[in-house]
Structures are given as structure tokens and as C-alpha cells.
Amino acid sequence: MTHKFKCSDMVLLNQLGFSSSKPSAATVYEIVRLMPADQSGEVSYRIKAGTSERAVRESELRSP
């Protein structure tokens, strides 16, 4: 599987699960590293916002 996003792209996390009654501004993340596909064949990314960095699957991301 090929990557949909590339390094330095700005992305949003899909809103899954609990939703509060107050609308909140979505955090914009920067793609900092492309990672290989996992056992299911889905590629992953390292994303960063401020000083926080995490790994996510491609299905968890969307364009702003």
C-alpha cells in the first residue's frame, strides 16, 4: 500500500468515539515520518502538534 500523505503535510485526526456537547477546534498535525505497513497492510505515520508526537494509522487521518 502506498502512502496517501507525505512528510510536512498537515492533517487532522478523525473524530472517533465520544463527542462532547461543546464544539472544539480540531488540532492540526504535521506528518513528520512515513512508516511501513503493519501486518494488516495499512501504512502508518508519525505526526506532531507542538511538542506532542504520536504514531497513527492512515485510516485515522484526514485532510483539513
PDB file of N, CA and C in Angstrom:
ATOM      1  N   MET A   1       0.847  -1.179   0.000  1.00  0.00           N
ATOM      2  CA  MET A   1       0.000   0.000   0.000  1.00  0.00           C
ATOM      3  C   MET A   1       0.895   1.245   0.000  1.00  0.00           C
ATOM      4  N   THR A   2       0.505   2.236  -0.756  1.00  0.00           N
ATOM      5  CA  THR A   2       1.272   3.473  -0.805  1.00  0.00           C
ATOM      6  C   THR A   2       0.691   4.496   0.164  1.00  0.00           C
ATOM      7  N   HIS A   3       1.503   5.454   0.533  1.00  0.00           N
ATOM      8  CA  HIS A   3       1.085   6.497   1.471  1.00  0.00           C
ATOM      9  C   HIS A   3       0.236   7.555   0.769  1.00  0.00           C
ATOM     10  N   LYS A   4      -0.855   7.937   1.393  1.00  0.00           N
ATOM     11  CA  LYS A   4      -1.739   8.986   0.878  1.00  0.00           C
ATOM     12  C   LYS A   4      -1.154  10.366   1.166  1.00  0.00           C
ATOM     13  N   PHE A   5      -0.463  10.517   2.300  1.00  0.00           N
ATOM     14  CA  PHE A   5       0.117  11.787   2.717  1.00  0.00           C
ATOM     15  C   PHE A   5       1.630  11.713   2.617  1.00  0.00           C
ATOM     16  N   LYS A   6       2.278  12.876   2.611  1.00  0.00           N
ATOM     17  CA  LYS A   6       3.739  12.912   2.583  1.00  0.00           C
ATOM     18  C   LYS A   6       4.250  13.758   3.741  1.00  0.00           C
ATOM     19  N   CYS A   7       5.550  13.691   4.000  1.00  0.00           N
ATOM     20  CA  CYS A   7       6.150  14.478   5.081  1.00  0.00           C
ATOM     21  C   CYS A   7       5.859  15.953   4.875  1.00  0.00           C
ATOM     22  N   SER A   8       5.587  16.623   5.958  1.00  0.00           N
ATOM     23  CA  SER A   8       5.244  18.051   6.064  1.00  0.00           C
ATOM     24  C   SER A   8       3.793  18.362   5.714  1.00  0.00           C
ATOM     25  N   ASP A   9       3.005  17.364   5.278  1.00  0.00           N
ATOM     26  CA  ASP A   9       1.570  17.594   5.069  1.00  0.00           C
ATOM     27  C   ASP A   9       0.909  17.865   6.417  1.00  0.00           C
ATOM     28  N   MET A  10      -0.124  18.684   6.404  1.00  0.00           N
ATOM     29  CA  MET A  10      -0.911  18.973   7.596  1.00  0.00           C
ATOM     30  C   MET A  10      -2.183  18.128   7.537  1.00  0.00           C
ATOM     31  N   VAL A  11      -2.521  17.477   8.655  1.00  0.00           N
ATOM     32  CA  VAL A  11      -3.659  16.559   8.700  1.00  0.00           C
ATOM     33  C   VAL A  11      -4.453  16.747   9.996  1.00  0.00           C
ATOM     34  N   LEU A  12      -5.634  16.188  10.011  1.00  0.00           N
ATOM     35  CA  LEU A  12      -6.486  16.153  11.200  1.00  0.00           C
ATOM     36  C   LEU A  12      -6.748  14.703  11.557  1.00  0.00           C
ATOM     37  N   LEU A  13      -6.965  14.447  12.835  1.00  0.00           N
ATOM     38  CA  LEU A  13      -7.373  13.110  13.271  1.00  0.00           C
ATOM     39  C   LEU A  13      -8.870  12.974  13.069  1.00  0.00           C
ATOM     40  N   ASN A  14      -9.311  11.802  12.603  1.00  0.00           N
ATOM     41  CA  ASN A  14     -10.742  11.533  12.516  1.00  0.00           C
ATOM     42  C   ASN A  14     -11.312  11.530  13.919  1.00  0.00           C
ATOM     43  N   GLN A  15     -12.479  12.081  14.103  1.00  0.00           N
ATOM     44  CA  GLN A  15     -13.131  12.107  15.411  1.00  0.00           C
ATOM     45  C   GLN A  15     -13.897  10.808  15.591  1.00  0.00           C
ATOM     46  N   LEU A  16     -13.353   9.933  16.432  1.00  0.00           N
ATOM     47  CA  LEU A  16     -13.988   8.649  16.710  1.00  0.00           C
ATOM     48  C   LEU A  16     -14.393   8.588  18.174  1.00  0.00           C
ATOM     49  N   GLY A  17     -15.465   7.887  18.455  1.00  0.00           N
ATOM     50  CA  GLY A  17     -15.854   7.676  19.847  1.00  0.00           C
ATOM     51  C   GLY A  17     -16.612   8.841  20.435  1.00  0.00           C
ATOM     52  N   PHE A  18     -16.337   9.121  21.718  1.00  0.00           N
ATOM     53  CA  PHE A  18     -17.069  10.115  22.492  1.00  0.00           C
ATOM     54  C   PHE A  18     -17.002  11.500  21.869  1.00  0.00           C
ATOM     55  N   SER A  19     -18.119  12.182  21.882  1.00  0.00           N
ATOM     56  CA  SER A  19     -18.194  13.543  21.354  1.00  0.00           C
ATOM     57  C   SER A  19     -18.819  14.423  22.424  1.00  0.00           C
ATOM     58  N   SER A  20     -18.142  15.490  22.794  1.00  0.00           N
ATOM     59  CA  SER A  20     -18.676  16.374  23.826  1.00  0.00           C
ATOM     60  C   SER A  20     -19.758  17.274  23.248  1.00  0.00           C
ATOM     61  N   SER A  21     -20.532  17.909  24.107  1.00  0.00           N
ATOM     62  CA  SER A  21     -21.598  18.776  23.653  1.00  0.00           C
ATOM     63  C   SER A  21     -21.064  20.099  23.123  1.00  0.00           C
ATOM     64  N   LYS A  22     -19.866  20.483  23.529  1.00  0.00           N
ATOM     65  CA  LYS A  22     -19.249  21.720  23.044  1.00  0.00           C
ATOM     66  C   LYS A  22     -18.398  21.433  21.815  1.00  0.00           C
ATOM     67  N   PRO A  23     -18.595  22.205  20.750  1.00  0.00           N
ATOM     68  CA  PRO A  23     -17.700  22.010  19.609  1.00  0.00           C
ATOM     69  C   PRO A  23     -16.309  22.505  19.962  1.00  0.00           C
ATOM     70  N   SER A  24     -15.296  21.780  19.549  1.00  0.00           N
ATOM     71  CA  SER A  24     -13.932  22.199  19.831  1.00  0.00           C
ATOM     72  C   SER A  24     -13.151  22.308  18.529  1.00  0.00           C
ATOM     73  N   ALA A  25     -12.136  23.121  18.546  1.00  0.00           N
ATOM     74  CA  ALA A  25     -11.287  23.269  17.378  1.00  0.00           C
ATOM     75  C   ALA A  25     -10.434  22.011  17.227  1.00  0.00           C
ATOM     76  N   ALA A  26     -10.382  21.494  16.033  1.00  0.00           N
ATOM     77  CA  ALA A  26      -9.578  20.301  15.779  1.00  0.00           C
ATOM     78  C   ALA A  26      -8.100  20.681  15.768  1.00  0.00           C
ATOM     79  N   THR A  27      -7.278  19.805  16.311  1.00  0.00           N
ATOM     80  CA  THR A  27      -5.841  20.018  16.307  1.00  0.00           C
ATOM     81  C   THR A  27      -5.275  19.611  14.955  1.00  0.00           C
ATOM     82  N   VAL A  28      -4.483  20.471  14.378  1.00  0.00           N
ATOM     83  CA  VAL A  28      -3.826  20.182  13.107  1.00  0.00           C
ATOM     84  C   VAL A  28      -2.452  19.601  13.416  1.00  0.00           C
ATOM     85  N   TYR A  29      -2.152  18.465  12.806  1.00  0.00           N
ATOM     86  CA  TYR A  29      -0.882  17.774  12.999  1.00  0.00           C
ATOM     87  C   TYR A  29      -0.056  17.852  11.725  1.00  0.00           C
ATOM     88  N   GLU A  30       1.260  17.782  11.891  1.00  0.00           N
ATOM     89  CA  GLU A  30       2.169  17.722  10.755  1.00  0.00           C
ATOM     90  C   GLU A  30       2.715  16.303  10.638  1.00  0.00           C
ATOM     91  N   ILE A  31       2.730  15.763   9.422  1.00  0.00           N
ATOM     92  CA  ILE A  31       3.348  14.464   9.176  1.00  0.00           C
ATOM     93  C   ILE A  31       4.856  14.653   9.282  1.00  0.00           C
ATOM     94  N   VAL A  32       5.501  13.917  10.194  1.00  0.00           N
ATOM     95  CA  VAL A  32       6.949  14.055  10.354  1.00  0.00           C
ATOM     96  C   VAL A  32       7.712  12.830   9.856  1.00  0.00           C
ATOM     97  N   ARG A  33       7.022  11.683   9.694  1.00  0.00           N
ATOM     98  CA  ARG A  33       7.705  10.494   9.191  1.00  0.00           C
ATOM     99  C   ARG A  33       6.699   9.512   8.617  1.00  0.00           C
ATOM    100  N   LEU A  34       7.039   8.902   7.488  1.00  0.00           N
ATOM    101  CA  LEU A  34       6.237   7.841   6.897  1.00  0.00           C
ATOM    102  C   LEU A  34       6.743   6.522   7.468  1.00  0.00           C
ATOM    103  N   MET A  35       5.815   5.665   7.858  1.00  0.00           N
ATOM    104  CA  MET A  35       6.191   4.380   8.440  1.00  0.00           C
ATOM    105  C   MET A  35       5.660   3.255   7.547  1.00  0.00           C
ATOM    106  N   PRO A  36       6.266   2.080   7.623  1.00  0.00           N
ATOM    107  CA  PRO A  36       5.838   0.970   6.757  1.00  0.00           C
ATOM    108  C   PRO A  36       4.472   0.419   7.159  1.00  0.00           C
ATOM    109  N   ALA A  37       3.949  -0.421   6.288  1.00  0.00           N
ATOM    110  CA  ALA A  37       2.661  -1.068   6.548  1.00  0.00           C
ATOM    111  C   ALA A  37       2.792  -2.071   7.691  1.00  0.00           C
ATOM    112  N   ASP A  38       1.707  -2.207   8.464  1.00  0.00           N
ATOM    113  CA  ASP A  38       1.686  -3.187   9.542  1.00  0.00           C
ATOM    114  C   ASP A  38       1.229  -4.543   8.988  1.00  0.00           C
ATOM    115  N   GLN A  39       0.927  -5.495   9.847  1.00  0.00           N
ATOM    116  CA  GLN A  39       0.529  -6.835   9.408  1.00  0.00           C
ATOM    117  C   GLN A  39      -0.749  -6.837   8.582  1.00  0.00           C
ATOM    118  N   SER A  40      -1.616  -5.857   8.809  1.00  0.00           N
ATOM    119  CA  SER A  40      -2.865  -5.781   8.047  1.00  0.00           C
ATOM    120  C   SER A  40      -2.659  -5.123   6.687  1.00  0.00           C
ATOM    121  N   GLY A  41      -1.483  -4.544   6.460  1.00  0.00           N
ATOM    122  CA  GLY A  41      -1.188  -3.892   5.190  1.00  0.00           C
ATOM    123  C   GLY A  41      -1.432  -2.396   5.193  1.00  0.00           C
ATOM    124  N   GLU A  42      -1.875  -1.854   6.334  1.00  0.00           N
ATOM    125  CA  GLU A  42      -2.147  -0.413   6.419  1.00  0.00           C
ATOM    126  C   GLU A  42      -0.884   0.345   6.831  1.00  0.00           C
ATOM    127  N   VAL A  43      -0.593   1.431   6.098  1.00  0.00           N
ATOM    128  CA  VAL A  43       0.585   2.233   6.423  1.00  0.00           C
ATOM    129  C   VAL A  43       0.304   3.136   7.615  1.00  0.00           C
ATOM    130  N   SER A  44       1.379   3.579   8.267  1.00  0.00           N
ATOM    131  CA  SER A  44       1.280   4.445   9.437  1.00  0.00           C
ATOM    132  C   SER A  44       2.137   5.681   9.240  1.00  0.00           C
ATOM    133  N   TYR A  45       1.946   6.632  10.138  1.00  0.00           N
ATOM    134  CA  TYR A  45       2.673   7.901  10.101  1.00  0.00           C
ATOM    135  C   TYR A  45       3.055   8.309  11.514  1.00  0.00           C
ATOM    136  N   ARG A  46       4.119   9.093  11.644  1.00  0.00           N
ATOM    137  CA  ARG A  46       4.414   9.822  12.881  1.00  0.00           C
ATOM    138  C   ARG A  46       3.898  11.225  12.633  1.00  0.00           C
ATOM    139  N   ILE A  47       3.062  11.719  13.567  1.00  0.00           N
ATOM    140  CA  ILE A  47       2.512  13.065  13.439  1.00  0.00           C
ATOM    141  C   ILE A  47       2.882  13.881  14.670  1.00  0.00           C
ATOM    142  N   LYS A  48       2.918  15.195  14.497  1.00  0.00           N
ATOM    143  CA  LYS A  48       3.347  16.069  15.589  1.00  0.00           C
ATOM    144  C   LYS A  48       2.501  17.334  15.614  1.00  0.00           C
ATOM    145  N   ALA A  49       2.149  17.758  16.834  1.00  0.00           N
ATOM    146  CA  ALA A  49       1.490  19.039  17.080  1.00  0.00           C
ATOM    147  C   ALA A  49       2.134  19.614  18.327  1.00  0.00           C
ATOM    148  N   GLY A  50       2.792  20.758  18.209  1.00  0.00           N
ATOM    149  CA  GLY A  50       3.509  21.327  19.348  1.00  0.00           C
ATOM    150  C   GLY A  50       4.649  20.410  19.738  1.00  0.00           C
ATOM    151  N   THR A  51       4.683  20.002  21.015  1.00  0.00           N
ATOM    152  CA  THR A  51       5.727  19.086  21.477  1.00  0.00           C
ATOM    153  C   THR A  51       5.237  17.646  21.537  1.00  0.00           C
ATOM    154  N   SER A  52       3.979  17.428  21.174  1.00  0.00           N
ATOM    155  CA  SER A  52       3.382  16.093  21.223  1.00  0.00           C
ATOM    156  C   SER A  52       3.557  15.376  19.887  1.00  0.00           C
ATOM    157  N   GLU A  53       4.062  14.147  19.937  1.00  0.00           N
ATOM    158  CA  GLU A  53       4.248  13.341  18.734  1.00  0.00           C
ATOM    159  C   GLU A  53       3.675  11.960  18.983  1.00  0.00           C
ATOM    160  N   ARG A  54       3.061  11.375  17.956  1.00  0.00           N
ATOM    161  CA  ARG A  54       2.472  10.049  18.103  1.00  0.00           C
ATOM    162  C   ARG A  54       2.426   9.333  16.763  1.00  0.00           C
ATOM    163  N   ALA A  55       2.196   8.031  16.815  1.00  0.00           N
ATOM    164  CA  ALA A  55       2.052   7.209  15.615  1.00  0.00           C
ATOM    165  C   ALA A  55       0.568   6.935  15.391  1.00  0.00           C
ATOM    166  N   VAL A  56       0.142   7.021  14.132  1.00  0.00           N
ATOM    167  CA  VAL A  56      -1.256   6.743  13.779  1.00  0.00           C
ATOM    168  C   VAL A  56      -1.317   5.999  12.453  1.00  0.00           C
ATOM    169  N   ARG A  57      -2.389   5.255  12.279  1.00  0.00           N
ATOM    170  CA  ARG A  57      -2.642   4.585  11.009  1.00  0.00           C
ATOM    171  C   ARG A  57      -3.260   5.583  10.034  1.00  0.00           C
ATOM    172  N   GLU A  58      -3.111   5.284   8.755  1.00  0.00           N
ATOM    173  CA  GLU A  58      -3.631   6.185   7.726  1.00  0.00           C
ATOM    174  C   GLU A  58      -5.158   6.363   7.843  1.00  0.00           C
ATOM    175  N   SER A  59      -5.877   5.335   8.243  1.00  0.00           N
ATOM    176  CA  SER A  59      -7.337   5.419   8.366  1.00  0.00           C
ATOM    177  C   SER A  59      -7.785   6.386   9.465  1.00  0.00           C
ATOM    178  N   GLU A  60      -6.856   6.772  10.351  1.00  0.00           N
ATOM    179  CA  GLU A  60      -7.177   7.703  11.437  1.00  0.00           C
ATOM    180  C   GLU A  60      -7.003   9.159  11.026  1.00  0.00           C
ATOM    181  N   LEU A  61      -6.532   9.404   9.807  1.00  0.00           N
ATOM    182  CA  LEU A  61      -6.220  10.765   9.367  1.00  0.00           C
ATOM    183  C   LEU A  61      -7.130  11.233   8.250  1.00  0.00           C
ATOM    184  N   ARG A  62      -7.267  12.555   8.174  1.00  0.00           N
ATOM    185  CA  ARG A  62      -7.989  13.173   7.062  1.00  0.00           C
ATOM    186  C   ARG A  62      -7.343  14.524   6.755  1.00  0.00           C
ATOM    187  N   SER A  63      -7.597  14.998   5.555  1.00  0.00           N
ATOM    188  CA  SER A  63      -7.092  16.313   5.152  1.00  0.00           C
ATOM    189  C   SER A  63      -7.896  17.394   5.851  1.00  0.00           C
ATOM    190  N   PRO A  64      -7.260  18.527   6.164  1.00  0.00           N
ATOM    191  CA  PRO A  64      -8.006  19.624   6.818  1.00  0.00           C
ATOM    192  C   PRO A  64      -8.991  20.293   5.863  1.00  0.00           C
TER     193      PRO A  64
END
